[in-house]
């Protein structure tokens, strides 16, 4: 509750939290893996 109160009352703390870098990447790993798998299975060619 204390942290929520701080985020609601401290604009700087909220901005820091809202703009923090994601330590787990950009969320596009599955898309990249599927694209790479499709290229591999198509002999290196882009899939249609």
PDB file of N, CA and C in Angstrom:
ATOM      1  N   UNK A   1       0.836  -1.184   0.000  1.00  0.00           N
ATOM      2  CA  UNK A   1       0.000   0.000   0.000  1.00  0.00           C
ATOM      3  C   UNK A   1       0.880   1.245   0.000  1.00  0.00           C
ATOM      4  N   UNK A   2       1.981   1.190   0.725  1.00  0.00           N
ATOM      5  CA  UNK A   2       2.872   2.350   0.780  1.00  0.00           C
ATOM      6  C   UNK A   2       3.430   2.695  -0.596  1.00  0.00           C
ATOM      7  N   UNK A   3       3.809   1.664  -1.369  1.00  0.00           N
ATOM      8  CA  UNK A   3       4.365   1.922  -2.700  1.00  0.00           C
ATOM      9  C   UNK A   3       3.321   2.491  -3.651  1.00  0.00           C
ATOM     10  N   UNK A   4       2.100   2.014  -3.584  1.00  0.00           N
ATOM     11  CA  UNK A   4       1.031   2.548  -4.427  1.00  0.00           C
ATOM     12  C   UNK A   4       0.771   4.005  -4.069  1.00  0.00           C
ATOM     13  N   UNK A   5       0.719   4.290  -2.791  1.00  0.00           N
ATOM     14  CA  UNK A   5       0.520   5.669  -2.337  1.00  0.00           C
ATOM     15  C   UNK A   5       1.640   6.566  -2.856  1.00  0.00           C
ATOM     16  N   UNK A   6       2.875   6.080  -2.784  1.00  0.00           N
ATOM     17  CA  UNK A   6       4.006   6.862  -3.278  1.00  0.00           C
ATOM     18  C   UNK A   6       3.864   7.128  -4.777  1.00  0.00           C
ATOM     19  N   UNK A   7       3.515   6.095  -5.557  1.00  0.00           N
ATOM     20  CA  UNK A   7       3.378   6.278  -7.000  1.00  0.00           C
ATOM     21  C   UNK A   7       2.250   7.244  -7.351  1.00  0.00           C
ATOM     22  N   UNK A   8       1.199   7.237  -6.566  1.00  0.00           N
ATOM     23  CA  UNK A   8       0.075   8.131  -6.830  1.00  0.00           C
ATOM     24  C   UNK A   8       0.356   9.572  -6.411  1.00  0.00           C
ATOM     25  N   UNK A   9       1.282   9.760  -5.490  1.00  0.00           N
ATOM     26  CA  UNK A   9       1.525  11.109  -4.984  1.00  0.00           C
ATOM     27  C   UNK A   9       2.848  11.718  -5.446  1.00  0.00           C
ATOM     28  N   UNK A  10       3.751  10.912  -5.991  1.00  0.00           N
ATOM     29  CA  UNK A  10       5.072  11.397  -6.392  1.00  0.00           C
ATOM     30  C   UNK A  10       5.230  11.220  -7.903  1.00  0.00           C
ATOM     31  N   UNK A  11       5.105  12.331  -8.642  1.00  0.00           N
ATOM     32  CA  UNK A  11       5.162  12.260 -10.107  1.00  0.00           C
ATOM     33  C   UNK A  11       6.489  11.703 -10.599  1.00  0.00           C
ATOM     34  N   UNK A  12       7.575  12.055  -9.954  1.00  0.00           N
ATOM     35  CA  UNK A  12       8.902  11.573 -10.361  1.00  0.00           C
ATOM     36  C   UNK A  12       9.015  10.054 -10.170  1.00  0.00           C
ATOM     37  N   UNK A  13       8.545   9.562  -9.038  1.00  0.00           N
ATOM     38  CA  UNK A  13       8.584   8.120  -8.778  1.00  0.00           C
ATOM     39  C   UNK A  13       7.734   7.375  -9.805  1.00  0.00           C
ATOM     40  N   UNK A  14       6.568   7.935 -10.129  1.00  0.00           N
ATOM     41  CA  UNK A  14       5.706   7.305 -11.129  1.00  0.00           C
ATOM     42  C   UNK A  14       6.386   7.301 -12.498  1.00  0.00           C
ATOM     43  N   UNK A  15       6.976   8.426 -12.897  1.00  0.00           N
ATOM     44  CA  UNK A  15       7.647   8.509 -14.196  1.00  0.00           C
ATOM     45  C   UNK A  15       8.805   7.521 -14.267  1.00  0.00           C
ATOM     46  N   UNK A  16       9.580   7.420 -13.188  1.00  0.00           N
ATOM     47  CA  UNK A  16      10.694   6.464 -13.165  1.00  0.00           C
ATOM     48  C   UNK A  16      10.196   5.034 -13.325  1.00  0.00           C
ATOM     49  N   UNK A  17       9.112   4.687 -12.648  1.00  0.00           N
ATOM     50  CA  UNK A  17       8.555   3.338 -12.736  1.00  0.00           C
ATOM     51  C   UNK A  17       7.961   3.090 -14.125  1.00  0.00           C
ATOM     52  N   UNK A  18       7.244   4.066 -14.656  1.00  0.00           N
ATOM     53  CA  UNK A  18       6.560   3.889 -15.936  1.00  0.00           C
ATOM     54  C   UNK A  18       7.535   3.777 -17.100  1.00  0.00           C
ATOM     55  N   UNK A  19       8.714   4.384 -16.985  1.00  0.00           N
ATOM     56  CA  UNK A  19       9.684   4.391 -18.081  1.00  0.00           C
ATOM     57  C   UNK A  19      10.867   3.464 -17.842  1.00  0.00           C
ATOM     58  N   UNK A  20      10.759   2.597 -16.870  1.00  0.00           N
ATOM     59  CA  UNK A  20      11.856   1.674 -16.562  1.00  0.00           C
ATOM     60  C   UNK A  20      12.052   0.676 -17.703  1.00  0.00           C
ATOM     61  N   UNK A  21      13.299   0.310 -17.941  1.00  0.00           N
ATOM     62  CA  UNK A  21      13.605  -0.685 -18.972  1.00  0.00           C
ATOM     63  C   UNK A  21      13.149  -2.060 -18.504  1.00  0.00           C
ATOM     64  N   UNK A  22      12.654  -2.849 -19.439  1.00  0.00           N
ATOM     65  CA  UNK A  22      12.208  -4.204 -19.125  1.00  0.00           C
ATOM     66  C   UNK A  22      13.419  -5.134 -19.140  1.00  0.00           C
ATOM     67  N   UNK A  23      13.760  -5.761 -18.026  1.00  0.00           N
ATOM     68  CA  UNK A  23      14.932  -6.640 -17.995  1.00  0.00           C
ATOM     69  C   UNK A  23      14.719  -7.941 -18.765  1.00  0.00           C
ATOM     70  N   UNK A  24      13.515  -8.200 -19.222  1.00  0.00           N
ATOM     71  CA  UNK A  24      13.209  -9.453 -19.909  1.00  0.00           C
ATOM     72  C   UNK A  24      13.085  -9.285 -21.415  1.00  0.00           C
ATOM     73  N   UNK A  25      13.475  -8.153 -21.962  1.00  0.00           N
ATOM     74  CA  UNK A  25      13.436  -7.949 -23.396  1.00  0.00           C
ATOM     75  C   UNK A  25      12.251  -7.116 -23.835  1.00  0.00           C
ATOM     76  N   UNK A  26      11.974  -7.175 -25.126  1.00  0.00           N
ATOM     77  CA  UNK A  26      10.932  -6.321 -25.691  1.00  0.00           C
ATOM     78  C   UNK A  26       9.623  -7.048 -25.961  1.00  0.00           C
ATOM     79  N   UNK A  27       9.525  -8.321 -25.579  1.00  0.00           N
ATOM     80  CA  UNK A  27       8.276  -9.062 -25.751  1.00  0.00           C
ATOM     81  C   UNK A  27       8.073  -9.639 -27.142  1.00  0.00           C
ATOM     82  N   UNK A  28       9.102  -9.618 -27.973  1.00  0.00           N
ATOM     83  CA  UNK A  28       8.957 -10.102 -29.345  1.00  0.00           C
ATOM     84  C   UNK A  28       9.744 -11.386 -29.615  1.00  0.00           C
ATOM     85  N   UNK A  29      10.184 -12.078 -28.564  1.00  0.00           N
ATOM     86  CA  UNK A  29      11.003 -13.281 -28.733  1.00  0.00           C
ATOM     87  C   UNK A  29      10.265 -14.365 -29.514  1.00  0.00           C
ATOM     88  N   UNK A  30       8.999 -14.589 -29.205  1.00  0.00           N
ATOM     89  CA  UNK A  30       8.241 -15.636 -29.898  1.00  0.00           C
ATOM     90  C   UNK A  30       8.164 -15.346 -31.384  1.00  0.00           C
ATOM     91  N   UNK A  31       7.897 -14.104 -31.742  1.00  0.00           N
ATOM     92  CA  UNK A  31       7.824 -13.711 -33.154  1.00  0.00           C
ATOM     93  C   UNK A  31       9.153 -13.966 -33.855  1.00  0.00           C
ATOM     94  N   UNK A  32      10.251 -13.616 -33.208  1.00  0.00           N
ATOM     95  CA  UNK A  32      11.571 -13.825 -33.811  1.00  0.00           C
ATOM     96  C   UNK A  32      11.900 -15.310 -33.950  1.00  0.00           C
ATOM     97  N   UNK A  33      11.549 -16.099 -32.952  1.00  0.00           N
ATOM     98  CA  UNK A  33      11.801 -17.543 -33.013  1.00  0.00           C
ATOM     99  C   UNK A  33      10.996 -18.172 -34.141  1.00  0.00           C
ATOM    100  N   UNK A  34       9.730 -17.790 -34.272  1.00  0.00           N
ATOM    101  CA  UNK A  34       8.900 -18.333 -35.350  1.00  0.00           C
ATOM    102  C   UNK A  34       9.437 -17.928 -36.717  1.00  0.00           C
ATOM    103  N   UNK A  35       9.870 -16.682 -36.864  1.00  0.00           N
ATOM    104  CA  UNK A  35      10.450 -16.233 -38.135  1.00  0.00           C
ATOM    105  C   UNK A  35      11.719 -17.009 -38.465  1.00  0.00           C
ATOM    106  N   UNK A  36      12.591 -17.188 -37.473  1.00  0.00           N
ATOM    107  CA  UNK A  36      13.834 -17.926 -37.699  1.00  0.00           C
ATOM    108  C   UNK A  36      13.550 -19.384 -38.030  1.00  0.00           C
ATOM    109  N   UNK A  37      12.576 -19.981 -37.362  1.00  0.00           N
ATOM    110  CA  UNK A  37      12.205 -21.372 -37.638  1.00  0.00           C
ATOM    111  C   UNK A  37      11.651 -21.514 -39.045  1.00  0.00           C
ATOM    112  N   UNK A  38      10.820 -20.579 -39.457  1.00  0.00           N
ATOM    113  CA  UNK A  38      10.249 -20.628 -40.807  1.00  0.00           C
ATOM    114  C   UNK A  38      11.346 -20.487 -41.854  1.00  0.00           C
ATOM    115  N   UNK A  39      12.300 -19.579 -41.641  1.00  0.00           N
ATOM    116  CA  UNK A  39      13.414 -19.425 -42.588  1.00  0.00           C
ATOM    117  C   UNK A  39      14.232 -20.710 -42.655  1.00  0.00           C
ATOM    118  N   UNK A  40      14.502 -21.322 -41.513  1.00  0.00           N
ATOM    119  CA  UNK A  40      15.276 -22.559 -41.473  1.00  0.00           C
ATOM    120  C   UNK A  40      14.556 -23.658 -42.246  1.00  0.00           C
ATOM    121  N   UNK A  41      13.262 -23.797 -42.014  1.00  0.00           N
ATOM    122  CA  UNK A  41      12.490 -24.856 -42.669  1.00  0.00           C
ATOM    123  C   UNK A  41      12.275 -24.589 -44.150  1.00  0.00           C
ATOM    124  N   UNK A  42      12.387 -23.325 -44.569  1.00  0.00           N
ATOM    125  CA  UNK A  42      12.251 -22.969 -45.985  1.00  0.00           C
ATOM    126  C   UNK A  42      13.604 -22.899 -46.679  1.00  0.00           C
ATOM    127  N   UNK A  43      14.620 -23.442 -46.083  1.00  0.00           N
ATOM    128  CA  UNK A  43      15.945 -23.449 -46.696  1.00  0.00           C
ATOM    129  C   UNK A  43      16.599 -22.080 -46.714  1.00  0.00           C
ATOM    130  N   UNK A  44      16.278 -21.234 -45.755  1.00  0.00           N
ATOM    131  CA  UNK A  44      16.893 -19.915 -45.671  1.00  0.00           C
ATOM    132  C   UNK A  44      16.108 -18.824 -46.357  1.00  0.00           C
ATOM    133  N   UNK A  45      15.003 -19.177 -47.000  1.00  0.00           N
ATOM    134  CA  UNK A  45      14.200 -18.174 -47.700  1.00  0.00           C
ATOM    135  C   UNK A  45      13.140 -17.604 -46.766  1.00  0.00           C
ATOM    136  N   UNK A  46      12.767 -16.348 -47.032  1.00  0.00           N
ATOM    137  CA  UNK A  46      11.692 -15.724 -46.264  1.00  0.00           C
ATOM    138  C   UNK A  46      10.390 -16.457 -46.545  1.00  0.00           C
ATOM    139  N   UNK A  47       9.560 -16.595 -45.513  1.00  0.00           N
ATOM    140  CA  UNK A  47       8.256 -17.222 -45.726  1.00  0.00           C
ATOM    141  C   UNK A  47       7.305 -16.201 -46.334  1.00  0.00           C
ATOM    142  N   UNK A  48       6.326 -16.681 -47.111  1.00  0.00           N
ATOM    143  CA  UNK A  48       5.398 -15.746 -47.781  1.00  0.00           C
ATOM    144  C   UNK A  48       4.528 -14.991 -46.814  1.00  0.00           C
TER     145      UNK A  48
END
